[in-house]
Amino acid sequence: MSQDIYELKAETRERAGKGSARELRRNGMIPAVIYGDKKSPVSIALSRKEISKKLHQGGFLTTIASIDVGGEKIRVLPKDYQVDPVRDFVLHVDFLRVSAKTKVQVAVPVHFINEDDCPGLRQGGVLNIVRHEVEVNCSANDIPEFLTGDLKGLELNDGLHISAFDLPAGVTPVITDRDFTVATIAQPAGLRSEKDADEEETIETEVINQTDETVSEEDDS
């Protein structure tokens, strides 16, 4: 699993609506909803400070939580959250009830190893990350903390595809119709510029030679 289960304290929320939500936020709380598992949704209020802390720790959407609602502990997975675009604090969170049998779709971050053993990077290449996260299907109890991409042996212009990743048992990519690219070893801008300059010089030389031949033929005539 991505991280250890953490616990949050919550209060049941009797009233809904914008007015109630604004009042909660003024008191340092945020509204949230627990849904799923064929049970009725439960409206709750959580500490904004605690939620913000978990968000900044990373892995918020891939880590199981236990929410204590009036003594009843409910296992959940955060599915979505809203942030105020101006003041940058959490406005609302949606939680999905989960059990050992629950299958979920989550975006798992990608980490890379063996950069020192990558010939393309040693030659001045640049790691171009196409996907910082990969969407996978898995059990709620077996969400990986991250996926590991091995750069060992990759040359300039090589790509690292999802088939090169050693996915944990029971974890499968959401995209199944192609071996999609996660990262590439791109040529540095300087090297591309020199190559383009060489190509331009070659083309220019060819044009000059062709012009000289045409002029020579006209003089002969």
N, C-alpha and C. Protein backbone atom coordinates (compact mmCIF):
# COMPACT_ATOMS: atom_id res chain seq x y z
N MET A 1 0.85 -1.19 0.00
CA MET A 1 0.00 0.00 0.00
C MET A 1 0.88 1.24 0.00
N SER A 2 0.33 2.36 -0.50
CA SER A 2 1.14 3.55 -0.64
C SER A 2 1.68 4.06 0.69
N GLN A 3 0.87 4.11 1.73
CA GLN A 3 1.31 4.57 3.03
C GLN A 3 0.45 3.91 4.10
N ASP A 4 0.85 4.08 5.37
CA ASP A 4 0.05 3.55 6.46
C ASP A 4 -1.28 4.29 6.54
N ILE A 5 -2.31 3.57 6.99
CA ILE A 5 -3.63 4.19 7.15
C ILE A 5 -3.56 5.24 8.26
N TYR A 6 -4.15 6.39 7.99
CA TYR A 6 -4.20 7.44 9.00
C TYR A 6 -5.65 7.67 9.42
N GLU A 7 -5.84 8.30 10.56
CA GLU A 7 -7.18 8.50 11.09
C GLU A 7 -7.55 9.97 11.13
N LEU A 8 -8.80 10.26 10.82
CA LEU A 8 -9.33 11.61 10.89
C LEU A 8 -10.58 11.61 11.78
N LYS A 9 -10.73 12.64 12.56
CA LYS A 9 -11.93 12.82 13.37
C LYS A 9 -12.93 13.67 12.60
N ALA A 10 -14.19 13.28 12.62
CA ALA A 10 -15.21 14.02 11.88
C ALA A 10 -16.47 14.17 12.70
N GLU A 11 -17.25 15.17 12.36
CA GLU A 11 -18.56 15.38 12.96
C GLU A 11 -19.63 15.21 11.88
N THR A 12 -20.76 14.65 12.26
CA THR A 12 -21.85 14.56 11.29
C THR A 12 -22.39 15.96 11.01
N ARG A 13 -22.80 16.16 9.79
CA ARG A 13 -23.27 17.48 9.36
C ARG A 13 -24.76 17.37 9.06
N GLU A 14 -25.55 18.02 9.87
CA GLU A 14 -27.00 17.91 9.74
C GLU A 14 -27.53 18.79 8.62
N ARG A 15 -26.94 19.96 8.46
CA ARG A 15 -27.43 20.90 7.47
C ARG A 15 -26.49 20.92 6.25
N ALA A 16 -27.09 21.11 5.07
CA ALA A 16 -26.31 21.24 3.85
C ALA A 16 -26.54 22.62 3.26
N GLY A 17 -25.90 22.90 2.15
CA GLY A 17 -26.09 24.20 1.50
C GLY A 17 -24.90 25.11 1.67
N LYS A 18 -24.91 26.19 0.87
CA LYS A 18 -23.78 27.13 0.88
C LYS A 18 -23.64 27.86 2.21
N GLY A 19 -24.77 28.23 2.81
CA GLY A 19 -24.71 28.95 4.08
C GLY A 19 -24.05 28.12 5.16
N SER A 20 -24.44 26.84 5.25
CA SER A 20 -23.86 25.94 6.25
C SER A 20 -22.38 25.73 5.99
N ALA A 21 -22.02 25.58 4.71
CA ALA A 21 -20.61 25.36 4.36
C ALA A 21 -19.75 26.57 4.72
N ARG A 22 -20.26 27.78 4.46
CA ARG A 22 -19.52 29.00 4.81
C ARG A 22 -19.32 29.10 6.31
N GLU A 23 -20.34 28.72 7.06
CA GLU A 23 -20.23 28.78 8.52
C GLU A 23 -19.16 27.80 9.02
N LEU A 24 -19.14 26.60 8.44
CA LEU A 24 -18.12 25.62 8.81
C LEU A 24 -16.71 26.16 8.56
N ARG A 25 -16.53 26.75 7.38
CA ARG A 25 -15.20 27.24 7.01
C ARG A 25 -14.75 28.39 7.91
N ARG A 26 -15.70 29.21 8.33
CA ARG A 26 -15.36 30.29 9.27
C ARG A 26 -14.87 29.72 10.59
N ASN A 27 -15.32 28.52 10.94
CA ASN A 27 -14.93 27.87 12.20
C ASN A 27 -13.77 26.90 12.03
N GLY A 28 -13.07 26.99 10.89
CA GLY A 28 -11.89 26.15 10.69
C GLY A 28 -12.20 24.73 10.27
N MET A 29 -13.41 24.48 9.80
CA MET A 29 -13.82 23.15 9.34
C MET A 29 -14.12 23.20 7.84
N ILE A 30 -14.19 22.01 7.23
CA ILE A 30 -14.61 21.95 5.83
C ILE A 30 -15.66 20.86 5.67
N PRO A 31 -16.61 21.05 4.75
CA PRO A 31 -17.62 20.01 4.51
C PRO A 31 -17.04 18.88 3.68
N ALA A 32 -17.54 17.68 3.89
CA ALA A 32 -17.10 16.51 3.13
C ALA A 32 -18.24 15.50 3.06
N VAL A 33 -18.10 14.55 2.14
CA VAL A 33 -19.12 13.52 1.96
C VAL A 33 -18.46 12.16 1.85
N ILE A 34 -19.05 11.15 2.51
CA ILE A 34 -18.61 9.76 2.37
C ILE A 34 -19.70 9.03 1.60
N TYR A 35 -19.32 8.36 0.50
CA TYR A 35 -20.32 7.68 -0.33
C TYR A 35 -19.77 6.33 -0.78
N GLY A 36 -20.62 5.55 -1.43
CA GLY A 36 -20.19 4.28 -2.00
C GLY A 36 -20.53 3.08 -1.14
N ASP A 37 -20.12 1.89 -1.61
CA ASP A 37 -20.35 0.61 -0.94
C ASP A 37 -21.83 0.33 -0.76
N LYS A 38 -22.66 0.86 -1.68
CA LYS A 38 -24.10 0.62 -1.67
C LYS A 38 -24.77 1.09 -0.37
N LYS A 39 -24.21 2.15 0.23
CA LYS A 39 -24.79 2.73 1.43
C LYS A 39 -25.11 4.19 1.18
N SER A 40 -25.97 4.73 2.01
CA SER A 40 -26.37 6.13 1.85
C SER A 40 -25.19 7.05 2.13
N PRO A 41 -25.08 8.16 1.39
CA PRO A 41 -24.00 9.12 1.65
C PRO A 41 -24.12 9.71 3.05
N VAL A 42 -22.96 10.02 3.62
CA VAL A 42 -22.91 10.64 4.95
C VAL A 42 -22.22 11.99 4.82
N SER A 43 -22.90 13.05 5.23
CA SER A 43 -22.31 14.38 5.21
C SER A 43 -21.57 14.63 6.52
N ILE A 44 -20.32 15.06 6.42
CA ILE A 44 -19.49 15.24 7.62
C ILE A 44 -18.75 16.57 7.54
N ALA A 45 -18.15 16.94 8.65
CA ALA A 45 -17.29 18.12 8.73
C ALA A 45 -15.95 17.69 9.31
N LEU A 46 -14.86 18.18 8.70
CA LEU A 46 -13.50 17.81 9.10
C LEU A 46 -12.68 19.05 9.41
N SER A 47 -11.62 18.86 10.16
CA SER A 47 -10.70 19.94 10.45
C SER A 47 -9.95 20.33 9.18
N ARG A 48 -10.04 21.60 8.79
CA ARG A 48 -9.33 22.07 7.60
C ARG A 48 -7.82 21.96 7.79
N LYS A 49 -7.36 22.19 8.99
CA LYS A 49 -5.93 22.10 9.29
C LYS A 49 -5.42 20.68 9.06
N GLU A 50 -6.17 19.67 9.51
CA GLU A 50 -5.75 18.29 9.35
C GLU A 50 -5.73 17.86 7.88
N ILE A 51 -6.77 18.27 7.14
CA ILE A 51 -6.83 17.91 5.72
C ILE A 51 -5.70 18.59 4.95
N SER A 52 -5.46 19.85 5.24
CA SER A 52 -4.37 20.57 4.56
C SER A 52 -3.03 19.91 4.84
N LYS A 53 -2.84 19.46 6.07
CA LYS A 53 -1.59 18.79 6.45
C LYS A 53 -1.41 17.51 5.63
N LYS A 54 -2.46 16.72 5.50
CA LYS A 54 -2.38 15.48 4.73
C LYS A 54 -2.13 15.76 3.24
N LEU A 55 -2.75 16.80 2.73
CA LEU A 55 -2.54 17.15 1.33
C LEU A 55 -1.09 17.50 1.05
N HIS A 56 -0.49 18.27 1.93
CA HIS A 56 0.89 18.71 1.72
C HIS A 56 1.90 17.59 1.94
N GLN A 57 1.49 16.53 2.62
CA GLN A 57 2.39 15.40 2.83
C GLN A 57 2.53 14.55 1.57
N GLY A 58 1.60 14.71 0.63
CA GLY A 58 1.65 13.96 -0.62
C GLY A 58 0.91 12.63 -0.51
N GLY A 59 0.52 12.09 -1.65
CA GLY A 59 -0.17 10.81 -1.69
C GLY A 59 -1.57 10.83 -1.15
N PHE A 60 -2.18 12.00 -1.09
CA PHE A 60 -3.51 12.12 -0.47
C PHE A 60 -4.55 11.24 -1.17
N LEU A 61 -4.55 11.24 -2.50
CA LEU A 61 -5.56 10.50 -3.26
C LEU A 61 -5.23 9.03 -3.45
N THR A 62 -4.12 8.58 -2.89
CA THR A 62 -3.75 7.16 -3.03
C THR A 62 -3.54 6.48 -1.67
N THR A 63 -3.99 7.13 -0.60
CA THR A 63 -3.78 6.57 0.74
C THR A 63 -5.12 6.38 1.46
N ILE A 64 -5.32 5.17 1.99
CA ILE A 64 -6.54 4.86 2.73
C ILE A 64 -6.56 5.62 4.06
N ALA A 65 -7.73 6.11 4.42
CA ALA A 65 -7.91 6.79 5.71
C ALA A 65 -9.02 6.11 6.49
N SER A 66 -8.99 6.28 7.79
CA SER A 66 -10.06 5.81 8.66
C SER A 66 -10.69 7.05 9.30
N ILE A 67 -11.96 7.28 8.99
CA ILE A 67 -12.64 8.46 9.52
C ILE A 67 -13.54 8.04 10.68
N ASP A 68 -13.30 8.65 11.84
CA ASP A 68 -14.09 8.38 13.04
C ASP A 68 -15.27 9.34 13.06
N VAL A 69 -16.46 8.79 12.80
CA VAL A 69 -17.67 9.61 12.80
C VAL A 69 -18.53 9.18 13.99
N GLY A 70 -18.45 9.92 15.08
CA GLY A 70 -19.24 9.59 16.26
C GLY A 70 -18.95 8.21 16.81
N GLY A 71 -17.71 7.77 16.75
CA GLY A 71 -17.33 6.47 17.28
C GLY A 71 -17.32 5.36 16.24
N GLU A 72 -17.93 5.58 15.08
CA GLU A 72 -17.90 4.60 13.99
C GLU A 72 -16.74 4.92 13.05
N LYS A 73 -15.87 3.95 12.88
CA LYS A 73 -14.71 4.17 12.02
C LYS A 73 -14.99 3.62 10.62
N ILE A 74 -14.88 4.50 9.64
CA ILE A 74 -15.18 4.16 8.25
C ILE A 74 -13.90 4.25 7.42
N ARG A 75 -13.55 3.15 6.74
CA ARG A 75 -12.38 3.15 5.87
C ARG A 75 -12.75 3.79 4.53
N VAL A 76 -11.94 4.76 4.13
CA VAL A 76 -12.26 5.52 2.92
C VAL A 76 -10.99 5.78 2.10
N LEU A 77 -11.23 6.15 0.85
CA LEU A 77 -10.16 6.63 -0.02
C LEU A 77 -10.60 7.99 -0.56
N PRO A 78 -9.81 9.04 -0.35
CA PRO A 78 -10.17 10.35 -0.93
C PRO A 78 -10.25 10.24 -2.45
N LYS A 79 -11.35 10.71 -3.02
CA LYS A 79 -11.54 10.62 -4.47
C LYS A 79 -11.43 11.96 -5.17
N ASP A 80 -11.74 13.04 -4.45
CA ASP A 80 -11.67 14.36 -5.08
C ASP A 80 -11.68 15.43 -4.00
N TYR A 81 -11.13 16.57 -4.33
CA TYR A 81 -11.19 17.71 -3.41
C TYR A 81 -11.18 19.00 -4.21
N GLN A 82 -11.76 20.03 -3.61
CA GLN A 82 -11.82 21.34 -4.26
C GLN A 82 -11.02 22.33 -3.45
N VAL A 83 -10.28 23.19 -4.17
CA VAL A 83 -9.43 24.18 -3.53
C VAL A 83 -9.84 25.57 -3.99
N ASP A 84 -9.88 26.52 -3.08
CA ASP A 84 -10.17 27.90 -3.44
C ASP A 84 -9.05 28.44 -4.33
N PRO A 85 -9.36 28.87 -5.55
CA PRO A 85 -8.30 29.29 -6.48
C PRO A 85 -7.57 30.56 -6.06
N VAL A 86 -8.18 31.35 -5.20
CA VAL A 86 -7.56 32.60 -4.77
C VAL A 86 -6.81 32.43 -3.46
N ARG A 87 -7.49 31.88 -2.47
CA ARG A 87 -6.88 31.76 -1.14
C ARG A 87 -6.16 30.43 -0.93
N ASP A 88 -6.30 29.49 -1.88
CA ASP A 88 -5.54 28.24 -1.88
C ASP A 88 -5.76 27.41 -0.61
N PHE A 89 -7.01 27.28 -0.16
CA PHE A 89 -7.28 26.33 0.91
C PHE A 89 -8.42 25.41 0.49
N VAL A 90 -8.50 24.26 1.14
CA VAL A 90 -9.44 23.23 0.75
C VAL A 90 -10.87 23.67 1.07
N LEU A 91 -11.77 23.43 0.10
CA LEU A 91 -13.17 23.81 0.27
C LEU A 91 -14.07 22.61 0.56
N HIS A 92 -13.74 21.45 -0.03
CA HIS A 92 -14.62 20.29 0.08
C HIS A 92 -13.84 19.03 -0.30
N VAL A 93 -14.22 17.90 0.31
CA VAL A 93 -13.57 16.62 -0.01
C VAL A 93 -14.63 15.54 -0.18
N ASP A 94 -14.43 14.69 -1.20
CA ASP A 94 -15.28 13.51 -1.40
C ASP A 94 -14.48 12.27 -1.02
N PHE A 95 -15.09 11.39 -0.22
CA PHE A 95 -14.45 10.14 0.19
C PHE A 95 -15.26 8.95 -0.30
N LEU A 96 -14.58 7.91 -0.76
CA LEU A 96 -15.22 6.67 -1.19
C LEU A 96 -15.03 5.60 -0.12
N ARG A 97 -16.13 4.98 0.34
CA ARG A 97 -16.01 3.85 1.27
C ARG A 97 -15.29 2.70 0.57
N VAL A 98 -14.37 2.06 1.29
CA VAL A 98 -13.63 0.95 0.69
C VAL A 98 -13.57 -0.23 1.65
N SER A 99 -13.36 -1.41 1.06
CA SER A 99 -13.14 -2.63 1.83
C SER A 99 -12.03 -3.41 1.14
N ALA A 100 -11.73 -4.58 1.65
CA ALA A 100 -10.68 -5.40 1.06
C ALA A 100 -11.02 -5.80 -0.37
N LYS A 101 -12.31 -5.81 -0.72
CA LYS A 101 -12.73 -6.25 -2.05
C LYS A 101 -12.91 -5.09 -3.03
N THR A 102 -12.79 -3.86 -2.53
CA THR A 102 -13.04 -2.70 -3.38
C THR A 102 -11.94 -2.52 -4.43
N LYS A 103 -12.34 -2.39 -5.69
CA LYS A 103 -11.41 -2.09 -6.77
C LYS A 103 -11.48 -0.59 -7.08
N VAL A 104 -10.33 0.02 -7.23
CA VAL A 104 -10.30 1.47 -7.45
C VAL A 104 -9.42 1.80 -8.65
N GLN A 105 -9.63 2.98 -9.18
CA GLN A 105 -8.79 3.53 -10.24
C GLN A 105 -8.11 4.76 -9.69
N VAL A 106 -6.78 4.74 -9.65
CA VAL A 106 -6.02 5.84 -9.05
C VAL A 106 -4.85 6.23 -9.95
N ALA A 107 -4.39 7.47 -9.79
CA ALA A 107 -3.21 7.96 -10.50
C ALA A 107 -2.01 7.82 -9.58
N VAL A 108 -1.06 6.97 -9.95
CA VAL A 108 0.11 6.69 -9.10
C VAL A 108 1.33 7.43 -9.66
N PRO A 109 2.06 8.15 -8.81
CA PRO A 109 3.24 8.88 -9.30
C PRO A 109 4.35 7.94 -9.77
N VAL A 110 5.19 8.45 -10.66
CA VAL A 110 6.30 7.68 -11.23
C VAL A 110 7.62 8.22 -10.71
N HIS A 111 8.48 7.33 -10.23
CA HIS A 111 9.84 7.67 -9.83
C HIS A 111 10.83 6.99 -10.78
N PHE A 112 12.03 7.56 -10.90
CA PHE A 112 13.03 7.00 -11.81
C PHE A 112 14.32 6.69 -11.06
N ILE A 113 14.97 5.58 -11.46
CA ILE A 113 16.22 5.17 -10.82
C ILE A 113 17.29 4.95 -11.88
N ASN A 114 18.54 4.80 -11.40
CA ASN A 114 19.71 4.49 -12.24
C ASN A 114 20.00 5.56 -13.29
N GLU A 115 19.84 6.82 -12.91
CA GLU A 115 20.18 7.90 -13.84
C GLU A 115 21.68 7.88 -14.17
N ASP A 116 22.52 7.48 -13.19
CA ASP A 116 23.96 7.43 -13.43
C ASP A 116 24.35 6.32 -14.41
N ASP A 117 23.47 5.34 -14.59
CA ASP A 117 23.76 4.23 -15.51
C ASP A 117 23.03 4.39 -16.83
N CYS A 118 22.61 5.62 -17.12
CA CYS A 118 21.89 5.90 -18.37
C CYS A 118 22.85 6.58 -19.35
N PRO A 119 23.32 5.87 -20.39
CA PRO A 119 24.27 6.45 -21.35
C PRO A 119 23.73 7.74 -21.99
N GLY A 120 22.44 7.76 -22.28
CA GLY A 120 21.87 8.95 -22.91
C GLY A 120 21.99 10.18 -22.04
N LEU A 121 21.79 10.05 -20.74
CA LEU A 121 21.93 11.18 -19.82
C LEU A 121 23.39 11.57 -19.66
N ARG A 122 24.28 10.58 -19.65
CA ARG A 122 25.71 10.88 -19.52
C ARG A 122 26.22 11.65 -20.75
N GLN A 123 25.57 11.47 -21.88
CA GLN A 123 25.97 12.17 -23.10
C GLN A 123 25.34 13.56 -23.19
N GLY A 124 24.68 13.97 -22.14
CA GLY A 124 24.06 15.29 -22.13
C GLY A 124 22.58 15.31 -22.43
N GLY A 125 21.99 14.12 -22.58
CA GLY A 125 20.57 14.04 -22.84
C GLY A 125 19.73 14.51 -21.66
N VAL A 126 18.46 14.70 -21.91
CA VAL A 126 17.54 15.22 -20.88
C VAL A 126 16.41 14.22 -20.67
N LEU A 127 16.08 13.96 -19.40
CA LEU A 127 14.95 13.08 -19.09
C LEU A 127 13.66 13.85 -19.33
N ASN A 128 12.94 13.44 -20.36
CA ASN A 128 11.67 14.07 -20.70
C ASN A 128 10.54 13.19 -20.17
N ILE A 129 9.90 13.64 -19.08
CA ILE A 129 8.85 12.84 -18.44
C ILE A 129 7.52 13.13 -19.13
N VAL A 130 7.02 12.15 -19.84
CA VAL A 130 5.76 12.28 -20.57
C VAL A 130 4.58 12.16 -19.61
N ARG A 131 4.69 11.23 -18.65
CA ARG A 131 3.63 11.01 -17.66
C ARG A 131 4.24 11.01 -16.26
N HIS A 132 3.91 12.03 -15.48
CA HIS A 132 4.37 12.07 -14.09
C HIS A 132 3.57 11.10 -13.22
N GLU A 133 2.37 10.74 -13.68
CA GLU A 133 1.51 9.78 -12.99
C GLU A 133 0.95 8.80 -14.02
N VAL A 134 0.67 7.59 -13.57
CA VAL A 134 0.06 6.58 -14.43
C VAL A 134 -1.23 6.11 -13.77
N GLU A 135 -2.33 6.13 -14.52
CA GLU A 135 -3.62 5.65 -14.01
C GLU A 135 -3.61 4.12 -14.00
N VAL A 136 -3.94 3.54 -12.83
CA VAL A 136 -3.96 2.08 -12.70
C VAL A 136 -5.24 1.63 -12.02
N ASN A 137 -5.58 0.36 -12.25
CA ASN A 137 -6.66 -0.31 -11.53
C ASN A 137 -6.04 -1.27 -10.53
N CYS A 138 -6.57 -1.29 -9.32
CA CYS A 138 -6.03 -2.20 -8.30
C CYS A 138 -6.99 -2.29 -7.13
N SER A 139 -6.67 -3.16 -6.18
CA SER A 139 -7.44 -3.25 -4.95
C SER A 139 -7.15 -2.02 -4.08
N ALA A 140 -8.17 -1.58 -3.36
CA ALA A 140 -7.98 -0.42 -2.48
C ALA A 140 -6.92 -0.67 -1.42
N ASN A 141 -6.71 -1.93 -1.05
CA ASN A 141 -5.70 -2.25 -0.04
C ASN A 141 -4.30 -2.41 -0.61
N ASP A 142 -4.18 -2.35 -1.94
CA ASP A 142 -2.87 -2.60 -2.57
C ASP A 142 -2.46 -1.48 -3.51
N ILE A 143 -2.79 -0.26 -3.18
CA ILE A 143 -2.39 0.88 -4.01
C ILE A 143 -0.89 1.12 -3.83
N PRO A 144 -0.10 1.05 -4.91
CA PRO A 144 1.35 1.28 -4.76
C PRO A 144 1.63 2.75 -4.45
N GLU A 145 2.68 2.97 -3.67
CA GLU A 145 3.07 4.34 -3.34
C GLU A 145 3.56 5.07 -4.58
N PHE A 146 4.30 4.34 -5.43
CA PHE A 146 4.77 4.90 -6.70
C PHE A 146 5.18 3.75 -7.62
N LEU A 147 5.35 4.06 -8.90
CA LEU A 147 5.86 3.11 -9.88
C LEU A 147 7.30 3.49 -10.20
N THR A 148 8.15 2.49 -10.39
CA THR A 148 9.58 2.74 -10.59
C THR A 148 9.99 2.51 -12.03
N GLY A 149 10.56 3.54 -12.66
CA GLY A 149 11.07 3.44 -14.02
C GLY A 149 12.59 3.34 -13.99
N ASP A 150 13.15 2.28 -14.59
CA ASP A 150 14.59 2.04 -14.59
C ASP A 150 15.21 2.63 -15.87
N LEU A 151 16.12 3.59 -15.70
CA LEU A 151 16.75 4.26 -16.84
C LEU A 151 18.05 3.60 -17.29
N LYS A 152 18.44 2.52 -16.64
CA LYS A 152 19.71 1.87 -16.94
C LYS A 152 19.77 1.43 -18.40
N GLY A 153 20.84 1.83 -19.08
CA GLY A 153 21.09 1.39 -20.45
C GLY A 153 20.38 2.17 -21.53
N LEU A 154 19.57 3.15 -21.19
CA LEU A 154 18.84 3.90 -22.21
C LEU A 154 19.76 4.90 -22.93
N GLU A 155 19.66 4.92 -24.24
CA GLU A 155 20.47 5.81 -25.08
C GLU A 155 19.65 7.04 -25.45
N LEU A 156 20.31 8.01 -26.11
CA LEU A 156 19.61 9.19 -26.61
C LEU A 156 18.47 8.75 -27.54
N ASN A 157 17.33 9.39 -27.39
CA ASN A 157 16.13 9.15 -28.19
C ASN A 157 15.41 7.86 -27.83
N ASP A 158 15.89 7.12 -26.83
CA ASP A 158 15.17 5.93 -26.36
C ASP A 158 13.95 6.34 -25.55
N GLY A 159 12.93 5.49 -25.57
CA GLY A 159 11.74 5.73 -24.77
C GLY A 159 11.56 4.65 -23.72
N LEU A 160 10.96 5.02 -22.59
CA LEU A 160 10.65 4.07 -21.52
C LEU A 160 9.14 3.87 -21.53
N HIS A 161 8.71 2.66 -21.89
CA HIS A 161 7.28 2.38 -22.03
C HIS A 161 6.74 1.66 -20.80
N ILE A 162 5.43 1.62 -20.68
CA ILE A 162 4.81 1.02 -19.50
C ILE A 162 5.18 -0.46 -19.37
N SER A 163 5.45 -1.13 -20.49
CA SER A 163 5.81 -2.55 -20.43
C SER A 163 7.14 -2.78 -19.71
N ALA A 164 7.96 -1.73 -19.57
CA ALA A 164 9.24 -1.86 -18.89
C ALA A 164 9.11 -1.74 -17.37
N PHE A 165 7.92 -1.40 -16.89
CA PHE A 165 7.70 -1.24 -15.45
C PHE A 165 7.28 -2.56 -14.83
N ASP A 166 7.86 -2.86 -13.68
CA ASP A 166 7.52 -4.08 -12.95
C ASP A 166 6.35 -3.75 -12.01
N LEU A 167 5.13 -3.88 -12.51
CA LEU A 167 3.95 -3.52 -11.72
C LEU A 167 3.68 -4.58 -10.66
N PRO A 168 3.27 -4.17 -9.46
CA PRO A 168 2.92 -5.14 -8.41
C PRO A 168 1.77 -6.04 -8.84
N ALA A 169 1.67 -7.19 -8.22
CA ALA A 169 0.59 -8.13 -8.54
C ALA A 169 -0.76 -7.46 -8.32
N GLY A 170 -1.66 -7.64 -9.26
CA GLY A 170 -3.00 -7.08 -9.15
C GLY A 170 -3.13 -5.65 -9.60
N VAL A 171 -2.02 -5.05 -10.02
CA VAL A 171 -2.03 -3.66 -10.48
C VAL A 171 -1.90 -3.65 -12.00
N THR A 172 -2.87 -3.06 -12.69
CA THR A 172 -2.85 -3.02 -14.15
C THR A 172 -3.10 -1.60 -14.64
N PRO A 173 -2.46 -1.20 -15.73
CA PRO A 173 -2.69 0.15 -16.26
C PRO A 173 -4.10 0.28 -16.82
N VAL A 174 -4.67 1.45 -16.70
CA VAL A 174 -6.00 1.70 -17.25
C VAL A 174 -5.96 1.64 -18.78
N ILE A 175 -4.90 2.18 -19.37
CA ILE A 175 -4.73 2.12 -20.83
C ILE A 175 -4.17 0.76 -21.19
N THR A 176 -4.90 0.01 -21.97
CA THR A 176 -4.48 -1.35 -22.31
C THR A 176 -4.32 -1.59 -23.81
N ASP A 177 -4.70 -0.60 -24.62
CA ASP A 177 -4.68 -0.82 -26.06
C ASP A 177 -3.34 -0.49 -26.72
N ARG A 178 -2.37 -0.02 -25.93
CA ARG A 178 -1.06 0.30 -26.50
C ARG A 178 -0.01 0.33 -25.39
N ASP A 179 1.24 0.16 -25.81
CA ASP A 179 2.37 0.22 -24.88
C ASP A 179 2.83 1.68 -24.80
N PHE A 180 2.14 2.46 -23.99
CA PHE A 180 2.34 3.91 -24.00
C PHE A 180 3.68 4.32 -23.37
N THR A 181 4.16 5.47 -23.81
CA THR A 181 5.44 6.01 -23.35
C THR A 181 5.27 6.77 -22.04
N VAL A 182 6.16 6.51 -21.10
CA VAL A 182 6.14 7.22 -19.82
C VAL A 182 7.23 8.30 -19.79
N ALA A 183 8.37 8.02 -20.42
CA ALA A 183 9.47 8.99 -20.46
C ALA A 183 10.37 8.71 -21.66
N THR A 184 11.13 9.71 -22.06
CA THR A 184 12.10 9.55 -23.14
C THR A 184 13.42 10.21 -22.74
N ILE A 185 14.49 9.78 -23.40
CA ILE A 185 15.78 10.45 -23.22
C ILE A 185 15.96 11.35 -24.43
N ALA A 186 15.72 12.63 -24.24
CA ALA A 186 15.73 13.58 -25.35
C ALA A 186 17.11 14.18 -25.55
N GLN A 187 17.40 14.54 -26.79
CA GLN A 187 18.66 15.22 -27.08
C GLN A 187 18.63 16.62 -26.49
N PRO A 188 19.77 17.10 -25.98
CA PRO A 188 19.82 18.46 -25.44
C PRO A 188 19.62 19.48 -26.55
N ALA A 189 19.10 20.64 -26.19
CA ALA A 189 18.80 21.67 -27.19
C ALA A 189 20.05 22.08 -27.97
N GLY A 190 21.19 22.16 -27.31
CA GLY A 190 22.43 22.56 -27.96
C GLY A 190 22.82 21.59 -29.05
N LEU A 191 22.67 20.29 -28.74
CA LEU A 191 23.04 19.26 -29.72
C LEU A 191 22.10 19.30 -30.91
N ARG A 192 20.81 19.54 -30.66
CA ARG A 192 19.87 19.64 -31.76
C ARG A 192 20.18 20.83 -32.63
N SER A 193 20.59 21.96 -32.00
CA SER A 193 20.90 23.17 -32.76
C SER A 193 22.10 22.95 -33.66
N GLU A 194 23.15 22.28 -33.12
CA GLU A 194 24.33 22.01 -33.92
C GLU A 194 23.99 21.11 -35.10
N LYS A 195 23.12 20.11 -34.85
CA LYS A 195 22.73 19.21 -35.91
C LYS A 195 21.95 19.94 -36.99
N ASP A 196 21.02 20.82 -36.53
CA ASP A 196 20.24 21.59 -37.50
C ASP A 196 21.14 22.51 -38.31
N ALA A 197 22.13 23.10 -37.63
CA ALA A 197 23.06 24.01 -38.32
C ALA A 197 23.86 23.26 -39.37
N ASP A 198 24.31 22.04 -39.01
CA ASP A 198 25.06 21.23 -39.97
C ASP A 198 24.21 20.88 -41.18
N GLU A 199 22.92 20.54 -40.92
CA GLU A 199 22.02 20.20 -42.02
C GLU A 199 21.78 21.40 -42.92
N GLU A 200 21.61 22.59 -42.28
CA GLU A 200 21.39 23.80 -43.06
C GLU A 200 22.62 24.13 -43.92
N GLU A 201 23.80 23.93 -43.33
CA GLU A 201 25.04 24.21 -44.06
C GLU A 201 25.18 23.26 -45.25
N THR A 202 24.80 21.99 -45.04
CA THR A 202 24.87 21.01 -46.13
C THR A 202 23.92 21.39 -47.26
N ILE A 203 22.69 21.79 -46.88
CA ILE A 203 21.70 22.20 -47.88
C ILE A 203 22.17 23.43 -48.64
N GLU A 204 22.74 24.40 -47.88
CA GLU A 204 23.22 25.63 -48.50
C GLU A 204 24.35 25.34 -49.49
N THR A 205 25.25 24.42 -49.12
CA THR A 205 26.36 24.05 -50.00
C THR A 205 25.85 23.41 -51.26
N GLU A 206 24.83 22.54 -51.10
CA GLU A 206 24.25 21.87 -52.27
C GLU A 206 23.61 22.87 -53.21
N VAL A 207 22.91 23.87 -52.64
CA VAL A 207 22.26 24.90 -53.45
C VAL A 207 23.30 25.72 -54.22
N ILE A 208 24.40 26.08 -53.53
CA ILE A 208 25.47 26.87 -54.17
C ILE A 208 26.09 26.08 -55.31
N ASN A 209 26.34 24.79 -55.06
CA ASN A 209 26.95 23.95 -56.10
C ASN A 209 26.05 23.85 -57.32
N GLN A 210 24.73 23.67 -57.03
CA GLN A 210 23.78 23.58 -58.14
C GLN A 210 23.73 24.89 -58.92
N THR A 211 23.80 26.01 -58.20
CA THR A 211 23.78 27.33 -58.86
C THR A 211 25.02 27.51 -59.72
N ASP A 212 26.18 27.11 -59.18
CA ASP A 212 27.44 27.22 -59.94
C ASP A 212 27.38 26.40 -61.21
N GLU A 213 26.79 25.19 -61.12
CA GLU A 213 26.70 24.33 -62.31
C GLU A 213 25.80 24.95 -63.35
N THR A 214 24.69 25.57 -62.88
CA THR A 214 23.76 26.20 -63.83
C THR A 214 24.41 27.37 -64.53
N VAL A 215 25.13 28.21 -63.78
CA VAL A 215 25.81 29.34 -64.35
C VAL A 215 26.86 28.90 -65.36
N SER A 216 27.60 27.85 -65.01
CA SER A 216 28.63 27.33 -65.90
C SER A 216 28.03 26.85 -67.20
N GLU A 217 26.86 26.18 -67.15
CA GLU A 217 26.21 25.69 -68.36
C GLU A 217 25.75 26.85 -69.22
N GLU A 218 25.26 27.94 -68.61
CA GLU A 218 24.82 29.11 -69.36
C GLU A 218 26.00 29.79 -70.04
N ASP A 219 27.16 29.86 -69.36
CA ASP A 219 28.35 30.47 -69.96
C ASP A 219 28.82 29.67 -71.16
N ASP A 220 28.72 28.34 -71.07
CA ASP A 220 29.18 27.49 -72.16
C ASP A 220 28.30 27.68 -73.40
N SER A 221 27.02 27.98 -73.14
CA SER A 221 26.12 28.14 -74.26
C SER A 221 26.32 29.50 -74.92
